[in-house]
Amino acid sequence: MLSQKTKYALKALLYLAQQEANHISKTTDIAESANIPKKFLEQILLDLKRGHLVGSKQGKLGGYYLLKSKDEITLADIHRLFDGAIALLPCASLNFYERCSDCTDESECLLRHGLMTIRDETLKAMQGITIASLVNK
């Protein structure tokens, strides 16, 4: 399952993606429109900024805008940024790999091979869904 933080991040990105090009959105506007608690949204936007997905402008006319194209931001990007690995076990992960302590022979582990298949299919689906594709539905 996606965490609430990931869900809110997606809602914020969808809001930003629906704005005119070069539009800077105030945190309050995003929070109200996407129904996200403002304090929580501020933390999420900072994480998205650190992930180089959104940019910000300071001052009275400041706010947030998409830094990366909505056509390039995928569900996999957001999931990994906020929830970490897509794989169900660390031994099946591409980016967060860790050997299982109870595994005697990883190359022969049937569970690992099955979970790697699930990871591959899930990753393929998540990489195929962009912010733009969600906005255009």
C-alpha atoms as a PDB file:
ATOM      1  CA  MET A   1       0.000   0.000   0.000  1.00  0.00           C
ATOM      2  CA  LEU A   2       1.034   3.560  -0.587  1.00  0.00           C
ATOM      3  CA  SER A   3       1.621   5.595   2.532  1.00  0.00           C
ATOM      4  CA  GLN A   4      -0.535   8.640   3.210  1.00  0.00           C
ATOM      5  CA  LYS A   5       2.542  10.788   2.553  1.00  0.00           C
ATOM      6  CA  THR A   6       2.979   9.250  -0.908  1.00  0.00           C
ATOM      7  CA  LYS A   7      -0.714   9.695  -1.678  1.00  0.00           C
ATOM      8  CA  TYR A   8      -0.535  13.368  -0.688  1.00  0.00           C
ATOM      9  CA  ALA A   9       2.650  13.837  -2.729  1.00  0.00           C
ATOM     10  CA  LEU A  10       0.853  12.454  -5.775  1.00  0.00           C
ATOM     11  CA  LYS A  11      -2.143  14.714  -5.162  1.00  0.00           C
ATOM     12  CA  ALA A  12       0.159  17.750  -4.873  1.00  0.00           C
ATOM     13  CA  LEU A  13       1.977  16.814  -8.078  1.00  0.00           C
ATOM     14  CA  LEU A  14      -1.340  16.330  -9.880  1.00  0.00           C
ATOM     15  CA  TYR A  15      -2.419  19.790  -8.742  1.00  0.00           C
ATOM     16  CA  LEU A  16       0.838  21.355  -9.975  1.00  0.00           C
ATOM     17  CA  ALA A  17       0.630  19.455 -13.265  1.00  0.00           C
ATOM     18  CA  GLN A  18      -2.799  20.931 -13.967  1.00  0.00           C
ATOM     19  CA  GLN A  19      -1.574  24.521 -13.686  1.00  0.00           C
ATOM     20  CA  GLU A  20      -0.472  26.686 -16.605  1.00  0.00           C
ATOM     21  CA  ALA A  21       3.191  26.457 -17.599  1.00  0.00           C
ATOM     22  CA  ASN A  22       5.423  28.601 -15.348  1.00  0.00           C
ATOM     23  CA  HIS A  23       2.603  29.036 -12.814  1.00  0.00           C
ATOM     24  CA  ILE A  24       3.778  29.214  -9.203  1.00  0.00           C
ATOM     25  CA  SER A  25       1.294  27.731  -6.752  1.00  0.00           C
ATOM     26  CA  LYS A  26       1.028  28.781  -3.133  1.00  0.00           C
ATOM     27  CA  THR A  27       1.141  26.047  -0.516  1.00  0.00           C
ATOM     28  CA  THR A  28      -2.242  27.170   0.813  1.00  0.00           C
ATOM     29  CA  ASP A  29      -3.841  26.800  -2.639  1.00  0.00           C
ATOM     30  CA  ILE A  30      -2.409  23.306  -3.107  1.00  0.00           C
ATOM     31  CA  ALA A  31      -3.486  22.251   0.393  1.00  0.00           C
ATOM     32  CA  GLU A  32      -7.042  23.511  -0.036  1.00  0.00           C
ATOM     33  CA  SER A  33      -7.524  22.187  -3.561  1.00  0.00           C
ATOM     34  CA  ALA A  34      -5.983  18.754  -2.909  1.00  0.00           C
ATOM     35  CA  ASN A  35      -7.436  18.475   0.615  1.00  0.00           C
ATOM     36  CA  ILE A  36      -4.029  18.003   2.284  1.00  0.00           C
ATOM     37  CA  PRO A  37      -3.171  19.328   5.759  1.00  0.00           C
ATOM     38  CA  LYS A  38      -0.939  22.370   5.167  1.00  0.00           C
ATOM     39  CA  LYS A  39       1.796  21.457   7.675  1.00  0.00           C
ATOM     40  CA  PHE A  40       2.066  17.944   6.231  1.00  0.00           C
ATOM     41  CA  LEU A  41       2.092  19.358   2.686  1.00  0.00           C
ATOM     42  CA  GLU A  42       4.999  21.670   3.531  1.00  0.00           C
ATOM     43  CA  GLN A  43       7.108  18.642   4.562  1.00  0.00           C
ATOM     44  CA  ILE A  44       6.094  16.755   1.420  1.00  0.00           C
ATOM     45  CA  LEU A  45       6.954  19.679  -0.849  1.00  0.00           C
ATOM     46  CA  LEU A  46      10.389  19.931   0.750  1.00  0.00           C
ATOM     47  CA  ASP A  47      10.947  16.222   0.059  1.00  0.00           C
ATOM     48  CA  LEU A  48       9.794  16.693  -3.544  1.00  0.00           C
ATOM     49  CA  LYS A  49      12.166  19.646  -3.847  1.00  0.00           C
ATOM     50  CA  ARG A  50      15.075  17.577  -2.469  1.00  0.00           C
ATOM     51  CA  GLY A  51      14.127  14.932  -5.040  1.00  0.00           C
ATOM     52  CA  HIS A  52      14.416  17.568  -7.803  1.00  0.00           C
ATOM     53  CA  LEU A  53      10.796  17.108  -8.853  1.00  0.00           C
ATOM     54  CA  VAL A  54       9.532  20.551  -7.843  1.00  0.00           C
ATOM     55  CA  GLY A  55      11.136  23.933  -7.492  1.00  0.00           C
ATOM     56  CA  SER A  56      10.207  26.842  -5.271  1.00  0.00           C
ATOM     57  CA  LYS A  57      10.281  30.592  -5.327  1.00  0.00           C
ATOM     58  CA  GLN A  58      10.525  32.603  -2.106  1.00  0.00           C
ATOM     59  CA  GLY A  59       8.660  35.768  -1.228  1.00  0.00           C
ATOM     60  CA  LYS A  60       5.192  37.226  -1.403  1.00  0.00           C
ATOM     61  CA  LEU A  61       4.586  35.837  -4.891  1.00  0.00           C
ATOM     62  CA  GLY A  62       6.429  32.618  -4.097  1.00  0.00           C
ATOM     63  CA  GLY A  63       5.306  29.033  -4.103  1.00  0.00           C
ATOM     64  CA  TYR A  64       5.976  25.766  -5.901  1.00  0.00           C
ATOM     65  CA  TYR A  65       6.112  24.596  -9.495  1.00  0.00           C
ATOM     66  CA  LEU A  66       7.054  21.428 -11.367  1.00  0.00           C
ATOM     67  CA  LEU A  67      10.771  21.272 -12.007  1.00  0.00           C
ATOM     68  CA  LYS A  68      10.653  17.972 -13.860  1.00  0.00           C
ATOM     69  CA  SER A  69       8.194  17.456 -16.715  1.00  0.00           C
ATOM     70  CA  LYS A  70       4.898  15.834 -15.758  1.00  0.00           C
ATOM     71  CA  ASP A  71       5.583  13.410 -18.629  1.00  0.00           C
ATOM     72  CA  GLU A  72       8.733  12.186 -16.858  1.00  0.00           C
ATOM     73  CA  ILE A  73       7.521  11.835 -13.256  1.00  0.00           C
ATOM     74  CA  THR A  74       6.350   8.264 -12.693  1.00  0.00           C
ATOM     75  CA  LEU A  75       4.556   6.494  -9.881  1.00  0.00           C
ATOM     76  CA  ALA A  76       7.768   4.516  -9.341  1.00  0.00           C
ATOM     77  CA  ASP A  77       9.712   7.762  -8.761  1.00  0.00           C
ATOM     78  CA  ILE A  78       7.282   8.952  -6.103  1.00  0.00           C
ATOM     79  CA  HIS A  79       6.956   5.552  -4.422  1.00  0.00           C
ATOM     80  CA  ARG A  80      10.723   5.201  -4.126  1.00  0.00           C
ATOM     81  CA  LEU A  81      11.141   8.752  -2.841  1.00  0.00           C
ATOM     82  CA  PHE A  82       8.590   8.380  -0.044  1.00  0.00           C
ATOM     83  CA  ASP A  83       8.078   4.650   0.586  1.00  0.00           C
ATOM     84  CA  GLY A  84      11.387   3.167  -0.518  1.00  0.00           C
ATOM     85  CA  ALA A  85      11.684  -0.188  -2.240  1.00  0.00           C
ATOM     86  CA  ILE A  86       9.078  -1.482  -4.641  1.00  0.00           C
ATOM     87  CA  ALA A  87      10.099  -5.092  -3.936  1.00  0.00           C
ATOM     88  CA  LEU A  88       8.319  -6.960  -1.147  1.00  0.00           C
ATOM     89  CA  LEU A  89      11.558  -8.244   0.422  1.00  0.00           C
ATOM     90  CA  PRO A  90      14.988  -6.598   0.519  1.00  0.00           C
ATOM     91  CA  CYS A  91      16.611  -9.577  -1.268  1.00  0.00           C
ATOM     92  CA  ALA A  92      14.370  -8.939  -4.309  1.00  0.00           C
ATOM     93  CA  SER A  93      15.029  -5.201  -4.456  1.00  0.00           C
ATOM     94  CA  LEU A  94      16.966  -3.439  -7.208  1.00  0.00           C
ATOM     95  CA  ASN A  95      17.815  -0.269  -5.289  1.00  0.00           C
ATOM     96  CA  PHE A  96      17.537  -1.367  -1.644  1.00  0.00           C
ATOM     97  CA  TYR A  97      19.021  -4.864  -1.827  1.00  0.00           C
ATOM     98  CA  GLU A  98      19.936  -6.704   1.374  1.00  0.00           C
ATOM     99  CA  ARG A  99      20.573 -10.409   1.757  1.00  0.00           C
ATOM    100  CA  CYS A 100      18.065 -12.208   3.989  1.00  0.00           C
ATOM    101  CA  SER A 101      19.693 -13.448   7.189  1.00  0.00           C
ATOM    102  CA  ASP A 102      17.736 -16.712   7.163  1.00  0.00           C
ATOM    103  CA  CYS A 103      18.546 -17.652   3.552  1.00  0.00           C
ATOM    104  CA  THR A 104      21.104 -20.407   3.020  1.00  0.00           C
ATOM    105  CA  ASP A 105      21.366 -20.165  -0.786  1.00  0.00           C
ATOM    106  CA  GLU A 106      19.933 -17.060  -2.395  1.00  0.00           C
ATOM    107  CA  SER A 107      20.338 -18.421  -5.945  1.00  0.00           C
ATOM    108  CA  GLU A 108      18.095 -21.383  -5.066  1.00  0.00           C
ATOM    109  CA  CYS A 109      15.493 -19.461  -3.042  1.00  0.00           C
ATOM    110  CA  LEU A 110      12.088 -20.018  -4.646  1.00  0.00           C
ATOM    111  CA  LEU A 111      10.509 -17.227  -2.638  1.00  0.00           C
ATOM    112  CA  ARG A 112      13.082 -14.688  -3.853  1.00  0.00           C
ATOM    113  CA  HIS A 113      12.594 -15.671  -7.503  1.00  0.00           C
ATOM    114  CA  GLY A 114       8.812 -15.332  -7.205  1.00  0.00           C
ATOM    115  CA  LEU A 115       9.087 -11.964  -5.496  1.00  0.00           C
ATOM    116  CA  MET A 116      11.516 -10.737  -8.156  1.00  0.00           C
ATOM    117  CA  THR A 117       8.867 -11.512 -10.784  1.00  0.00           C
ATOM    118  CA  ILE A 118       6.290  -9.539  -8.797  1.00  0.00           C
ATOM    119  CA  ARG A 119       8.785  -6.675  -8.424  1.00  0.00           C
ATOM    120  CA  ASP A 120       9.480  -6.607 -12.161  1.00  0.00           C
ATOM    121  CA  GLU A 121       5.796  -6.523 -13.102  1.00  0.00           C
ATOM    122  CA  THR A 122       4.954  -3.929 -10.455  1.00  0.00           C
ATOM    123  CA  LEU A 123       7.888  -1.754 -11.503  1.00  0.00           C
ATOM    124  CA  LYS A 124       6.900  -2.001 -15.162  1.00  0.00           C
ATOM    125  CA  ALA A 125       3.351  -0.881 -14.343  1.00  0.00           C
ATOM    126  CA  MET A 126       4.487   1.937 -12.039  1.00  0.00           C
ATOM    127  CA  GLN A 127       7.017   3.236 -14.561  1.00  0.00           C
ATOM    128  CA  GLY A 128       4.295   3.279 -17.207  1.00  0.00           C
ATOM    129  CA  ILE A 129       2.099   5.641 -15.188  1.00  0.00           C
ATOM    130  CA  THR A 130       3.187   9.276 -15.239  1.00  0.00           C
ATOM    131  CA  ILE A 131       1.699  12.342 -13.633  1.00  0.00           C
ATOM    132  CA  ALA A 132       0.722  13.465 -17.146  1.00  0.00           C
ATOM    133  CA  SER A 133      -1.073  10.189 -17.878  1.00  0.00           C
ATOM    134  CA  LEU A 134      -3.071  10.545 -14.641  1.00  0.00           C
ATOM    135  CA  VAL A 135      -4.004  14.159 -15.462  1.00  0.00           C
ATOM    136  CA  ASN A 136      -5.102  13.165 -18.980  1.00  0.00           C
ATOM    137  CA  LYS A 137      -7.461  10.361 -17.849  1.00  0.00           C
END
